[in-house]
N, C-alpha and C. Protein backbone atom coordinates (compact mmCIF):
# COMPACT_ATOMS: atom_id res chain seq x y z
N MET A 1 0.76 -1.18 0.15
CA MET A 1 -0.28 0.51 0.35
C MET A 1 1.00 1.37 -0.33
N ALA A 2 0.45 2.02 -0.86
CA ALA A 2 1.56 3.74 -1.01
C ALA A 2 0.87 4.11 0.11
N TYR A 3 1.88 5.20 0.09
CA TYR A 3 1.39 6.08 1.50
C TYR A 3 0.99 7.48 0.80
N SER A 4 -0.45 7.80 1.58
CA SER A 4 -1.18 8.92 0.62
C SER A 4 -0.94 9.75 1.63
N PRO A 5 -0.97 10.94 1.73
CA PRO A 5 -1.00 12.22 2.57
C PRO A 5 -2.93 12.95 2.74
N VAL A 6 -3.52 12.27 1.64
CA VAL A 6 -4.78 12.24 2.15
C VAL A 6 -5.32 12.00 3.24
N ASP A 7 -4.68 10.81 4.19
CA ASP A 7 -5.39 10.22 5.53
C ASP A 7 -4.90 11.05 6.56
N LEU A 8 -4.26 12.25 6.03
CA LEU A 8 -3.89 13.03 7.15
C LEU A 8 -4.96 13.05 8.60
N PRO A 9 -4.58 13.61 9.95
CA PRO A 9 -5.75 13.56 10.64
C PRO A 9 -5.78 14.86 10.78
N VAL A 10 -7.47 15.19 11.04
CA VAL A 10 -7.71 16.60 11.14
C VAL A 10 -7.54 17.10 12.63
N ARG A 11 -7.35 18.48 12.97
CA ARG A 11 -7.31 18.41 14.14
C ARG A 11 -8.48 18.52 15.32
N ARG A 12 -8.30 18.05 16.21
CA ARG A 12 -9.09 17.66 17.21
C ARG A 12 -8.95 19.05 18.31
N ALA A 13 -10.17 19.17 18.75
CA ALA A 13 -10.21 20.35 19.94
C ALA A 13 -9.57 19.30 21.07
N GLY A 14 -9.05 20.49 21.79
CA GLY A 14 -8.08 20.24 22.82
C GLY A 14 -6.65 19.49 23.07
N LEU A 15 -6.11 19.07 21.33
CA LEU A 15 -4.90 19.01 21.06
C LEU A 15 -4.31 20.15 20.34
N GLU A 16 -4.91 21.28 20.23
CA GLU A 16 -4.38 22.34 19.81
C GLU A 16 -2.88 22.82 20.25
N LEU A 17 -2.10 23.27 19.41
CA LEU A 17 -0.74 23.51 20.35
C LEU A 17 -0.44 25.32 19.91
N ALA A 18 0.12 26.00 20.86
CA ALA A 18 0.28 27.06 20.54
C ALA A 18 1.64 27.20 20.04
N TRP A 19 1.47 26.82 18.42
CA TRP A 19 2.97 27.20 17.52
C TRP A 19 3.70 28.21 17.63
N GLU A 20 2.91 29.31 17.68
CA GLU A 20 2.94 31.04 17.41
C GLU A 20 4.04 31.20 18.61
N LYS A 21 4.30 30.09 19.96
CA LYS A 21 5.11 30.22 21.38
C LYS A 21 6.44 29.78 20.90
N ILE A 22 6.94 29.08 19.64
CA ILE A 22 8.07 28.86 19.49
C ILE A 22 8.86 29.27 17.57
N ASP A 23 10.10 29.98 17.65
CA ASP A 23 10.11 29.83 16.48
C ASP A 23 10.78 28.73 15.64
N PHE A 24 11.49 29.20 14.24
CA PHE A 24 11.85 28.11 13.14
C PHE A 24 13.02 27.28 14.41
N THR A 25 13.91 27.71 14.95
CA THR A 25 15.11 26.66 15.29
C THR A 25 14.58 25.92 16.25
N ALA A 26 13.70 26.06 17.24
CA ALA A 26 12.69 25.35 18.45
C ALA A 26 11.92 24.55 17.39
N PHE A 27 11.23 24.99 16.46
CA PHE A 27 10.55 23.76 15.87
C PHE A 27 11.56 22.72 15.38
N GLU A 28 12.90 22.74 14.61
CA GLU A 28 13.36 21.85 14.19
C GLU A 28 13.96 21.25 15.25
N ARG A 29 14.51 22.20 16.49
CA ARG A 29 14.64 21.12 17.80
C ARG A 29 13.47 19.87 18.14
N LEU A 30 12.28 20.75 17.93
CA LEU A 30 11.10 19.79 18.24
C LEU A 30 10.90 18.51 17.93
N ILE A 31 11.07 18.65 16.49
CA ILE A 31 11.13 17.59 15.46
C ILE A 31 12.09 16.77 15.57
N PHE A 32 13.35 17.63 15.83
CA PHE A 32 14.71 16.07 15.77
C PHE A 32 14.33 15.62 17.38
N GLN A 33 13.99 16.04 18.50
CA GLN A 33 13.71 15.61 19.69
C GLN A 33 12.76 14.25 19.53
N LEU A 34 11.31 14.72 19.01
CA LEU A 34 10.44 13.56 18.30
C LEU A 34 11.08 12.51 17.82
N VAL A 35 11.83 12.76 16.83
CA VAL A 35 12.36 11.57 15.79
C VAL A 35 13.40 10.70 16.57
N VAL A 36 13.81 11.48 17.63
CA VAL A 36 14.69 10.58 18.48
C VAL A 36 14.29 10.09 19.38
N GLU A 37 13.09 10.04 19.59
CA GLU A 37 12.23 9.45 20.88
C GLU A 37 11.73 8.37 20.44
N THR A 38 11.66 7.94 19.30
CA THR A 38 10.19 7.51 18.61
C THR A 38 11.52 6.02 18.42
N GLU A 39 10.63 5.16 18.55
CA GLU A 39 11.23 3.51 18.73
C GLU A 39 11.35 3.45 17.21
N GLY A 40 12.11 2.55 16.18
CA GLY A 40 12.38 2.64 15.17
C GLY A 40 12.92 3.34 14.87
N TYR A 41 13.81 4.35 15.07
CA TYR A 41 14.36 5.39 14.20
C TYR A 41 15.67 5.39 14.68
N GLU A 42 17.04 4.87 14.07
CA GLU A 42 18.02 5.10 14.59
C GLU A 42 19.11 6.51 13.44
N ASN A 43 20.28 6.66 13.92
CA ASN A 43 21.15 7.70 13.83
C ASN A 43 20.06 8.83 13.41
N VAL A 44 19.53 9.19 14.36
CA VAL A 44 19.18 10.89 13.88
C VAL A 44 20.04 11.52 13.87
N ASP A 45 19.87 13.04 13.31
CA ASP A 45 20.91 13.98 13.14
C ASP A 45 20.33 15.26 12.97
N TRP A 46 20.66 16.25 13.38
CA TRP A 46 20.40 17.86 13.32
C TRP A 46 21.35 18.55 12.61
N LEU A 47 22.25 18.42 11.66
CA LEU A 47 23.10 18.89 11.27
C LEU A 47 23.56 20.24 11.16
N MET A 48 22.68 21.28 11.04
CA MET A 48 22.96 22.26 10.33
C MET A 48 21.89 23.10 10.80
N HIS A 49 22.82 24.63 10.82
CA HIS A 49 21.77 25.65 11.54
C HIS A 49 21.00 25.64 10.66
N THR A 50 19.18 26.04 11.61
CA THR A 50 18.81 26.60 11.32
C THR A 50 18.47 27.09 9.90
N ASN A 51 17.39 27.59 8.82
CA ASN A 51 18.12 28.32 7.55
C ASN A 51 18.73 28.20 6.97
N ALA A 52 19.93 27.20 7.17
CA ALA A 52 20.95 26.99 6.36
C ALA A 52 20.96 26.45 4.84
N ALA A 53 21.81 26.30 4.28
CA ALA A 53 21.36 25.80 2.78
C ALA A 53 22.19 24.45 2.99
N ASP A 54 20.77 23.71 3.55
CA ASP A 54 20.44 22.49 3.64
C ASP A 54 20.47 21.22 2.40
N HIS A 55 19.73 21.66 1.89
CA HIS A 55 19.45 21.36 0.84
C HIS A 55 18.05 19.95 0.76
N GLY A 56 17.32 20.55 1.99
CA GLY A 56 15.91 20.30 2.65
C GLY A 56 16.14 19.03 3.35
N ARG A 57 17.36 19.03 4.15
CA ARG A 57 17.88 18.13 5.00
C ARG A 57 17.87 19.03 6.38
N ASP A 58 16.77 18.77 7.33
CA ASP A 58 17.04 19.53 8.21
C ASP A 58 17.44 18.36 9.45
N VAL A 59 16.57 17.71 9.29
CA VAL A 59 17.07 16.35 10.17
C VAL A 59 16.70 14.90 9.55
N SER A 60 18.23 14.08 9.62
CA SER A 60 17.63 13.13 9.03
C SER A 60 17.79 11.79 9.70
N ALA A 61 17.53 10.77 9.77
CA ALA A 61 17.57 9.70 10.18
C ALA A 61 17.05 8.08 9.50
N VAL A 62 17.21 6.73 10.30
CA VAL A 62 17.10 5.87 9.65
C VAL A 62 16.01 5.11 10.16
N ARG A 63 15.07 5.06 9.57
CA ARG A 63 14.08 4.29 9.91
C ARG A 63 14.24 2.87 9.40
N LEU A 64 13.78 1.86 11.10
CA LEU A 64 14.00 0.54 10.92
C LEU A 64 12.80 -0.09 11.00
N ARG A 65 12.52 -1.02 10.10
CA ARG A 65 11.06 -1.89 9.78
C ARG A 65 11.17 -3.54 10.30
N LYS A 66 11.00 -3.81 10.80
CA LYS A 66 11.16 -5.23 11.53
C LYS A 66 10.03 -6.07 10.86
N ASP A 67 10.04 -7.06 9.94
CA ASP A 67 8.86 -7.72 9.69
C ASP A 67 9.53 -9.20 9.94
N PRO A 68 8.45 -9.97 10.49
CA PRO A 68 9.14 -11.29 11.36
C PRO A 68 8.98 -12.39 10.29
N LEU A 69 8.35 -12.08 9.11
CA LEU A 69 8.35 -13.02 8.04
C LEU A 69 9.65 -12.68 6.81
N SER A 70 9.25 -11.07 6.39
CA SER A 70 10.50 -11.07 5.38
C SER A 70 11.71 -10.46 6.06
N GLY A 71 11.95 -10.20 7.20
CA GLY A 71 13.31 -9.74 7.47
C GLY A 71 13.30 -7.98 7.75
N HIS A 72 14.37 -7.55 8.01
CA HIS A 72 14.61 -6.24 8.15
C HIS A 72 15.12 -5.51 7.04
N SER A 73 14.39 -4.16 7.25
CA SER A 73 14.57 -3.52 6.52
C SER A 73 14.75 -1.92 7.00
N SER A 74 15.30 -1.07 6.05
CA SER A 74 16.02 0.13 6.88
C SER A 74 15.72 0.94 5.52
N GLN A 75 14.96 2.28 5.81
CA GLN A 75 15.05 3.70 4.91
C GLN A 75 15.53 4.88 5.40
N ARG A 76 16.22 5.40 4.50
CA ARG A 76 17.01 6.77 4.89
C ARG A 76 15.56 7.55 4.55
N VAL A 77 15.96 8.81 5.90
CA VAL A 77 14.72 9.84 5.98
C VAL A 77 15.46 10.85 6.10
N ALA A 78 14.46 11.84 5.29
CA ALA A 78 15.12 13.31 5.43
C ALA A 78 13.95 14.08 5.79
N ILE A 79 14.08 14.90 7.36
CA ILE A 79 12.84 15.45 7.11
C ILE A 79 12.84 16.88 6.66
N GLN A 80 12.15 17.87 5.81
CA GLN A 80 12.50 19.29 5.92
C GLN A 80 11.02 19.67 6.71
N CYS A 81 11.54 20.67 7.58
CA CYS A 81 10.64 21.33 9.18
C CYS A 81 10.21 22.80 8.18
N LYS A 82 9.27 23.07 8.47
CA LYS A 82 8.82 24.63 7.91
C LYS A 82 7.76 24.80 8.92
N HIS A 83 8.25 25.54 9.38
CA HIS A 83 7.59 26.11 11.24
C HIS A 83 6.81 27.75 10.52
N TRP A 84 5.88 27.19 9.39
CA TRP A 84 4.92 28.32 8.82
C TRP A 84 3.75 28.49 9.44
N LEU A 85 3.80 29.26 9.87
CA LEU A 85 2.41 29.59 10.50
C LEU A 85 1.02 30.55 9.58
N SER A 86 1.73 31.84 8.90
CA SER A 86 1.29 32.48 8.11
C SER A 86 0.99 32.00 6.38
N ARG A 87 1.27 30.67 6.51
CA ARG A 87 0.81 30.50 4.41
C ARG A 87 1.17 28.90 5.04
N ALA A 88 0.43 28.10 4.14
CA ALA A 88 0.20 26.85 3.77
C ALA A 88 1.46 26.25 2.64
N VAL A 89 1.83 25.05 3.08
CA VAL A 89 2.87 24.58 2.35
C VAL A 89 2.16 24.21 0.99
N ARG A 90 2.44 24.58 -0.36
CA ARG A 90 2.39 24.94 -1.84
C ARG A 90 2.93 23.59 -2.00
N ASP A 91 2.45 23.73 -3.56
CA ASP A 91 2.77 22.63 -4.77
C ASP A 91 4.64 23.16 -4.93
N THR A 92 4.80 23.91 -5.33
CA THR A 92 6.16 24.20 -5.67
C THR A 92 7.22 24.00 -4.47
N ASP A 93 6.35 24.34 -3.27
CA ASP A 93 7.56 24.13 -1.80
C ASP A 93 7.89 22.42 -1.81
N ALA A 94 6.81 21.69 -2.44
CA ALA A 94 7.10 20.55 -2.07
C ALA A 94 7.72 19.96 -3.52
N ASN A 95 7.76 20.25 -4.71
CA ASN A 95 8.84 20.26 -5.73
C ASN A 95 9.81 20.72 -5.54
N GLN A 96 10.09 22.22 -4.91
CA GLN A 96 11.82 22.66 -4.37
C GLN A 96 12.07 21.69 -3.47
N ALA A 97 11.47 20.90 -2.45
CA ALA A 97 11.97 20.50 -1.53
C ALA A 97 12.54 19.15 -2.44
N ILE A 98 12.22 18.50 -3.44
CA ILE A 98 12.09 16.99 -4.24
C ILE A 98 13.64 17.36 -4.98
N VAL A 99 13.88 18.80 -5.67
CA VAL A 99 15.06 19.30 -6.39
C VAL A 99 15.86 19.35 -5.16
N SER A 100 15.35 19.73 -4.28
CA SER A 100 16.84 19.88 -2.92
C SER A 100 17.72 18.81 -2.71
N ILE A 101 16.68 17.90 -1.86
CA ILE A 101 17.20 16.28 -1.41
C ILE A 101 17.62 15.81 -2.28
N SER A 102 17.67 15.74 -3.71
CA SER A 102 18.56 15.55 -4.70
C SER A 102 19.98 16.15 -4.96
N HIS A 103 20.21 16.92 -4.10
CA HIS A 103 21.43 16.81 -3.75
C HIS A 103 22.09 16.44 -2.65
N TRP A 104 21.76 15.23 -2.02
CA TRP A 104 21.54 14.49 -1.01
C TRP A 104 21.57 12.90 -1.91
N GLU A 105 23.10 12.17 -2.32
CA GLU A 105 22.35 11.12 -3.68
C GLU A 105 23.58 10.19 -3.18
N ASN A 106 24.41 10.04 -2.60
CA ASN A 106 24.92 9.37 -2.48
C ASN A 106 25.28 8.87 -0.47
N PRO A 107 24.23 8.03 -0.66
CA PRO A 107 23.58 7.19 -0.91
C PRO A 107 22.14 8.18 -0.83
N PRO A 108 21.13 8.37 -1.81
CA PRO A 108 20.09 8.79 -1.61
C PRO A 108 19.25 8.22 -0.69
N PHE A 109 18.20 9.22 -0.56
CA PHE A 109 17.18 9.07 0.61
C PHE A 109 15.76 8.41 0.01
N ASP A 110 15.39 7.44 0.97
CA ASP A 110 14.12 6.76 0.47
C ASP A 110 12.80 7.76 0.57
N VAL A 111 13.28 8.86 1.80
CA VAL A 111 11.68 9.16 2.13
C VAL A 111 12.21 10.58 2.75
N LEU A 112 11.51 11.46 2.30
CA LEU A 112 11.22 13.08 2.74
C LEU A 112 9.89 13.41 3.60
N VAL A 113 10.32 13.87 4.44
CA VAL A 113 9.13 14.33 5.05
C VAL A 113 9.00 15.39 5.02
N LEU A 114 7.90 16.00 4.61
CA LEU A 114 7.40 17.61 5.36
C LEU A 114 6.80 17.58 6.00
N ALA A 115 7.27 18.44 7.24
CA ALA A 115 6.96 18.53 8.55
C ALA A 115 6.54 19.98 8.88
N THR A 116 5.52 20.32 8.85
CA THR A 116 5.01 21.67 8.84
C THR A 116 4.22 22.42 10.46
N SER A 117 3.95 23.27 10.72
CA SER A 117 3.21 23.47 11.86
C SER A 117 1.93 24.36 11.21
N GLY A 118 1.51 24.17 10.65
CA GLY A 118 0.44 24.58 9.49
C GLY A 118 0.02 23.76 8.30
N ARG A 119 -0.66 23.67 7.50
CA ARG A 119 -1.21 22.93 6.46
C ARG A 119 -0.54 22.71 5.37
N PHE A 120 -1.12 21.98 4.16
CA PHE A 120 -0.96 21.83 2.89
C PHE A 120 -1.85 22.75 2.23
N THR A 121 -1.55 23.22 0.96
CA THR A 121 -2.82 23.49 0.08
C THR A 121 -3.31 22.15 -0.76
N SER A 122 -4.43 22.22 -1.15
CA SER A 122 -5.05 21.12 -2.08
C SER A 122 -4.13 20.68 -3.42
N ASP A 123 -3.67 21.82 -3.65
CA ASP A 123 -2.33 21.82 -4.62
C ASP A 123 -1.28 20.80 -4.52
N ALA A 124 -0.66 20.71 -3.41
CA ALA A 124 0.78 20.54 -2.94
C ALA A 124 -0.10 19.15 -2.89
N ILE A 125 -1.30 19.04 -2.09
CA ILE A 125 -1.54 17.42 -1.75
C ILE A 125 -1.62 16.60 -3.11
N ALA A 126 -1.95 17.07 -3.99
CA ALA A 126 -2.31 16.32 -5.23
C ALA A 126 -1.34 16.11 -6.24
N TRP A 127 -0.38 17.29 -5.46
CA TRP A 127 1.31 17.09 -6.56
C TRP A 127 2.24 16.19 -5.73
N ILE A 128 1.89 15.53 -4.37
CA ILE A 128 2.66 14.59 -3.77
C ILE A 128 1.94 13.33 -3.54
N GLU A 129 0.79 13.65 -4.04
CA GLU A 129 -0.12 12.02 -4.40
C GLU A 129 0.83 11.38 -6.03
N ARG A 130 0.72 12.62 -7.45
CA ARG A 130 1.05 12.19 -8.04
C ARG A 130 2.54 11.63 -8.31
N HIS A 131 3.84 12.41 -7.16
CA HIS A 131 4.64 12.25 -7.51
C HIS A 131 5.07 10.80 -6.97
N ASN A 132 4.30 10.27 -5.68
CA ASN A 132 4.39 9.25 -4.87
C ASN A 132 4.02 8.10 -5.83
N SER A 133 2.54 8.43 -6.42
CA SER A 133 2.28 7.46 -7.56
C SER A 133 3.11 6.91 -8.64
N ARG A 134 4.50 7.80 -9.04
CA ARG A 134 5.22 7.61 -9.83
C ARG A 134 6.10 6.76 -9.01
N GLY A 135 6.47 6.34 -8.12
CA GLY A 135 7.07 5.09 -7.32
C GLY A 135 8.77 5.75 -7.53
N GLN A 136 8.90 7.01 -7.57
CA GLN A 136 9.92 7.47 -7.68
C GLN A 136 10.51 7.72 -6.15
N ARG A 137 11.85 7.53 -6.29
CA ARG A 137 12.50 7.70 -4.85
C ARG A 137 13.08 9.45 -4.41
N PRO A 138 12.90 10.12 -3.82
CA PRO A 138 12.25 9.83 -2.15
C PRO A 138 10.63 9.99 -2.54
N ILE A 139 9.99 9.33 -2.18
CA ILE A 139 8.46 8.81 -1.21
C ILE A 139 8.52 10.51 -0.89
N ILE A 140 7.30 11.33 -0.70
CA ILE A 140 7.13 11.91 0.16
C ILE A 140 6.04 11.73 0.99
N GLU A 141 6.66 11.90 2.78
CA GLU A 141 5.49 11.92 3.64
C GLU A 141 5.39 13.05 4.39
N VAL A 142 3.67 13.38 4.95
CA VAL A 142 3.66 14.74 5.68
C VAL A 142 3.30 14.69 6.96
N TRP A 143 3.44 15.91 7.47
CA TRP A 143 3.57 15.91 8.77
C TRP A 143 2.92 17.42 8.82
N ASN A 144 1.49 17.68 8.93
CA ASN A 144 0.75 18.88 9.25
C ASN A 144 0.76 19.05 10.70
N ASP A 145 0.41 20.23 11.11
CA ASP A 145 -0.05 20.91 12.44
C ASP A 145 -0.98 19.71 13.26
N ALA A 146 -1.88 18.96 12.65
CA ALA A 146 -3.19 18.22 13.11
C ALA A 146 -2.41 16.85 13.57
N ARG A 147 -1.19 16.25 12.50
CA ARG A 147 -0.33 15.01 12.96
C ARG A 147 0.61 15.49 13.72
N LEU A 148 1.31 16.55 13.93
CA LEU A 148 2.18 16.26 15.38
C LEU A 148 1.47 17.01 16.31
N GLU A 149 -0.08 17.78 15.98
CA GLU A 149 -0.53 17.65 17.76
C GLU A 149 -0.98 15.85 18.09
N PHE A 150 -1.09 15.13 17.16
CA PHE A 150 -1.65 14.09 17.46
C PHE A 150 -0.33 13.35 18.38
N LEU A 151 0.84 12.99 17.51
CA LEU A 151 1.71 12.51 17.98
C LEU A 151 2.49 13.25 19.09
N LEU A 152 2.28 14.58 19.15
CA LEU A 152 3.20 15.03 20.31
C LEU A 152 1.73 14.83 21.71
N ASN A 153 0.29 14.86 21.70
CA ASN A 153 -0.11 14.56 22.58
C ASN A 153 0.43 13.24 23.54
N GLU A 154 1.22 12.51 22.60
CA GLU A 154 1.49 10.98 23.33
C GLU A 154 2.88 11.18 24.04
N ARG A 155 2.97 12.60 24.05
CA ARG A 155 4.58 13.00 25.03
C ARG A 155 4.45 14.41 25.21
N PRO A 156 3.99 14.19 26.06
CA PRO A 156 3.35 15.20 26.95
C PRO A 156 4.75 15.92 27.76
N HIS A 157 5.55 15.14 27.79
CA HIS A 157 6.80 16.07 28.35
C HIS A 157 7.17 16.95 27.31
N LEU A 158 6.98 16.89 26.33
CA LEU A 158 7.69 17.30 25.28
C LEU A 158 6.88 18.93 24.52
N VAL A 159 5.39 18.50 25.02
CA VAL A 159 4.79 19.95 24.80
C VAL A 159 4.85 20.76 26.00
N ARG A 160 4.67 20.52 26.86
CA ARG A 160 5.45 20.90 28.55
C ARG A 160 6.81 21.59 28.19
N SER A 161 8.20 21.29 27.86
CA SER A 161 9.24 21.45 28.03
C SER A 161 9.52 22.61 26.43
N PHE A 162 8.85 22.21 25.15
CA PHE A 162 8.71 23.74 24.48
C PHE A 162 7.79 24.58 24.42
N GLY A 163 6.78 24.61 25.73
CA GLY A 163 6.01 25.54 26.27
C GLY A 163 4.81 25.78 25.00
N LEU A 164 4.14 24.39 24.41
CA LEU A 164 3.50 24.97 23.73
C LEU A 164 1.50 24.83 24.05
N ARG A 165 1.81 24.82 25.39
CA ARG A 165 0.74 24.61 25.76
C ARG A 165 0.43 25.21 26.94
């Protein structure tokens, strides 16, 4: 089954976070900490300064998949952080992220996560769906505000330490 951003959760009352209380650097640090603490991810790196020419790689990791029948596999994952409160991620932003991540080709990334404290436009979702349906590397996954709020609700210590509620 292919990844589909259409399956993103919607915002639920009571889970909203005060994204305006953090800046770009804190958002990247939050995403880094979230990935570090999540089982199945290893070799998590936050290598460059916020807003550096990182070619779409704010945070990177290796995602491990354990299948008792087929064995283990891993995926190289890059996460592009977009702490955008005033506008949504557009199709041109997704396209630019793919172009930028192609600079990291040895070895290439299998997955590009676009993580935002905001939303994606319908054109962006359609563009990502078309890109993913071609089966080309990297597959794009999206983490919008609602997904991050859901994930962070399970980690209240992160919500508290970043002052998001």
